[in-house]
Amino acid sequence: MIRKKIAGIIATALKAIEPYKTEGIRGPVSGGKIDFKLLEELRVKVADIAEMAGIDY
């Protein structure tokens, strides 16, 4: 159950990444960005899972 929740969170994050390229010193550099609100929502979900598992962080 927890593994499926974690997998869902990872999948959501990966699907939400918007790739981009920019010029670096030695040529094009690839990167990705993600909406901050979505990132915060996913962070809260991970914290909830950690709390359920009894992890002290």
N, C-alpha and C. Protein backbone atom coordinates (compact mmCIF):
# COMPACT_ATOMS: atom_id res chain seq x y z
N MET A 1 0.82 -1.19 0.00
CA MET A 1 0.00 0.00 0.00
C MET A 1 0.87 1.26 0.00
N ILE A 2 1.84 1.31 0.89
CA ILE A 2 2.71 2.48 0.96
C ILE A 2 3.55 2.59 -0.32
N ARG A 3 3.99 1.45 -0.82
CA ARG A 3 4.79 1.47 -2.06
C ARG A 3 4.00 2.05 -3.21
N LYS A 4 2.71 1.72 -3.30
CA LYS A 4 1.88 2.24 -4.38
C LYS A 4 1.69 3.75 -4.24
N LYS A 5 1.54 4.22 -2.99
CA LYS A 5 1.41 5.66 -2.76
C LYS A 5 2.69 6.40 -3.17
N ILE A 6 3.82 5.83 -2.79
CA ILE A 6 5.10 6.45 -3.15
C ILE A 6 5.28 6.43 -4.66
N ALA A 7 4.95 5.32 -5.29
CA ALA A 7 5.06 5.22 -6.75
C ALA A 7 4.16 6.25 -7.42
N GLY A 8 2.97 6.45 -6.88
CA GLY A 8 2.06 7.45 -7.44
C GLY A 8 2.61 8.87 -7.32
N ILE A 9 3.23 9.15 -6.19
CA ILE A 9 3.82 10.48 -5.98
C ILE A 9 4.97 10.70 -6.96
N ILE A 10 5.81 9.69 -7.12
CA ILE A 10 6.93 9.80 -8.05
C ILE A 10 6.42 9.98 -9.48
N ALA A 11 5.42 9.19 -9.86
CA ALA A 11 4.87 9.29 -11.21
C ALA A 11 4.28 10.68 -11.46
N THR A 12 3.56 11.21 -10.48
CA THR A 12 2.99 12.55 -10.62
C THR A 12 4.07 13.60 -10.81
N ALA A 13 5.14 13.49 -10.03
CA ALA A 13 6.24 14.44 -10.14
C ALA A 13 6.91 14.35 -11.51
N LEU A 14 7.17 13.13 -11.96
CA LEU A 14 7.85 12.97 -13.24
C LEU A 14 7.00 13.46 -14.41
N LYS A 15 5.70 13.22 -14.33
CA LYS A 15 4.80 13.66 -15.41
C LYS A 15 4.67 15.18 -15.44
N ALA A 16 4.87 15.83 -14.29
CA ALA A 16 4.68 17.27 -14.20
C ALA A 16 5.91 18.07 -14.60
N ILE A 17 7.05 17.41 -14.73
CA ILE A 17 8.28 18.13 -15.07
C ILE A 17 8.20 18.65 -16.50
N GLU A 18 8.50 19.93 -16.64
CA GLU A 18 8.53 20.56 -17.95
C GLU A 18 9.99 20.74 -18.37
N PRO A 19 10.43 20.00 -19.39
CA PRO A 19 11.83 20.11 -19.79
C PRO A 19 12.12 21.43 -20.50
N TYR A 20 13.36 21.86 -20.40
CA TYR A 20 13.80 23.06 -21.11
C TYR A 20 15.29 22.95 -21.40
N LYS A 21 15.74 23.75 -22.35
CA LYS A 21 17.17 23.82 -22.67
C LYS A 21 17.59 25.27 -22.64
N THR A 22 18.81 25.48 -22.23
CA THR A 22 19.39 26.81 -22.21
C THR A 22 20.84 26.70 -22.65
N GLU A 23 21.42 27.79 -23.05
CA GLU A 23 22.81 27.77 -23.48
C GLU A 23 23.73 27.89 -22.28
N GLY A 24 24.66 26.96 -22.19
CA GLY A 24 25.68 27.00 -21.16
C GLY A 24 27.01 27.41 -21.78
N ILE A 25 28.04 27.41 -20.99
CA ILE A 25 29.36 27.79 -21.47
C ILE A 25 29.86 26.83 -22.55
N ARG A 26 29.59 25.56 -22.38
CA ARG A 26 30.08 24.53 -23.32
C ARG A 26 28.98 23.99 -24.21
N GLY A 27 27.91 24.70 -24.38
CA GLY A 27 26.83 24.24 -25.25
C GLY A 27 25.51 24.17 -24.51
N PRO A 28 24.51 23.56 -25.15
CA PRO A 28 23.19 23.49 -24.53
C PRO A 28 23.16 22.66 -23.25
N VAL A 29 22.38 23.14 -22.31
CA VAL A 29 22.22 22.46 -21.02
C VAL A 29 20.73 22.16 -20.86
N SER A 30 20.41 20.92 -20.53
CA SER A 30 19.03 20.52 -20.32
C SER A 30 18.66 20.63 -18.85
N GLY A 31 17.41 20.89 -18.61
CA GLY A 31 16.92 20.97 -17.24
C GLY A 31 15.43 20.71 -17.22
N GLY A 32 14.86 20.77 -16.06
CA GLY A 32 13.43 20.57 -15.92
C GLY A 32 12.91 21.40 -14.78
N LYS A 33 11.67 21.83 -14.91
CA LYS A 33 11.05 22.59 -13.82
C LYS A 33 9.68 22.01 -13.52
N ILE A 34 9.23 22.25 -12.29
CA ILE A 34 7.96 21.72 -11.84
C ILE A 34 7.24 22.83 -11.08
N ASP A 35 5.94 22.84 -11.18
CA ASP A 35 5.13 23.86 -10.51
C ASP A 35 5.34 23.76 -8.99
N PHE A 36 5.61 24.89 -8.36
CA PHE A 36 5.92 24.91 -6.93
C PHE A 36 4.75 24.41 -6.08
N LYS A 37 3.53 24.79 -6.44
CA LYS A 37 2.36 24.34 -5.66
C LYS A 37 2.25 22.82 -5.69
N LEU A 38 2.47 22.23 -6.86
CA LEU A 38 2.41 20.77 -6.97
C LEU A 38 3.52 20.14 -6.14
N LEU A 39 4.71 20.71 -6.20
CA LEU A 39 5.82 20.19 -5.42
C LEU A 39 5.51 20.21 -3.92
N GLU A 40 4.89 21.29 -3.46
CA GLU A 40 4.51 21.38 -2.05
C GLU A 40 3.44 20.35 -1.69
N GLU A 41 2.47 20.12 -2.59
CA GLU A 41 1.44 19.10 -2.35
C GLU A 41 2.08 17.72 -2.22
N LEU A 42 3.02 17.43 -3.10
CA LEU A 42 3.69 16.13 -3.05
C LEU A 42 4.53 16.00 -1.78
N ARG A 43 5.15 17.09 -1.36
CA ARG A 43 5.94 17.08 -0.12
C ARG A 43 5.07 16.73 1.08
N VAL A 44 3.87 17.30 1.12
CA VAL A 44 2.94 17.02 2.21
C VAL A 44 2.52 15.55 2.19
N LYS A 45 2.27 15.01 1.00
CA LYS A 45 1.89 13.60 0.89
C LYS A 45 3.01 12.69 1.39
N VAL A 46 4.25 13.03 1.05
CA VAL A 46 5.39 12.24 1.52
C VAL A 46 5.51 12.33 3.04
N ALA A 47 5.30 13.51 3.58
CA ALA A 47 5.36 13.68 5.04
C ALA A 47 4.27 12.85 5.73
N ASP A 48 3.08 12.80 5.13
CA ASP A 48 2.00 11.98 5.69
C ASP A 48 2.37 10.50 5.69
N ILE A 49 2.97 10.04 4.61
CA ILE A 49 3.39 8.64 4.53
C ILE A 49 4.46 8.35 5.59
N ALA A 50 5.40 9.27 5.74
CA ALA A 50 6.46 9.08 6.74
C ALA A 50 5.86 9.03 8.15
N GLU A 51 4.88 9.86 8.40
CA GLU A 51 4.22 9.86 9.71
C GLU A 51 3.49 8.54 9.95
N MET A 52 2.81 8.03 8.93
CA MET A 52 2.12 6.73 9.05
C MET A 52 3.10 5.61 9.37
N ALA A 53 4.29 5.70 8.77
CA ALA A 53 5.29 4.65 8.96
C ALA A 53 6.01 4.78 10.30
N GLY A 54 5.80 5.92 10.98
CA GLY A 54 6.41 6.10 12.28
C GLY A 54 7.84 6.57 12.22
N ILE A 55 8.21 7.22 11.12
CA ILE A 55 9.58 7.71 10.97
C ILE A 55 9.71 9.05 11.67
N ASP A 56 10.74 9.17 12.47
CA ASP A 56 11.00 10.43 13.18
C ASP A 56 12.02 11.22 12.39
N TYR A 57 11.61 12.35 11.87
CA TYR A 57 12.54 13.19 11.09
C TYR A 57 12.50 14.60 11.53
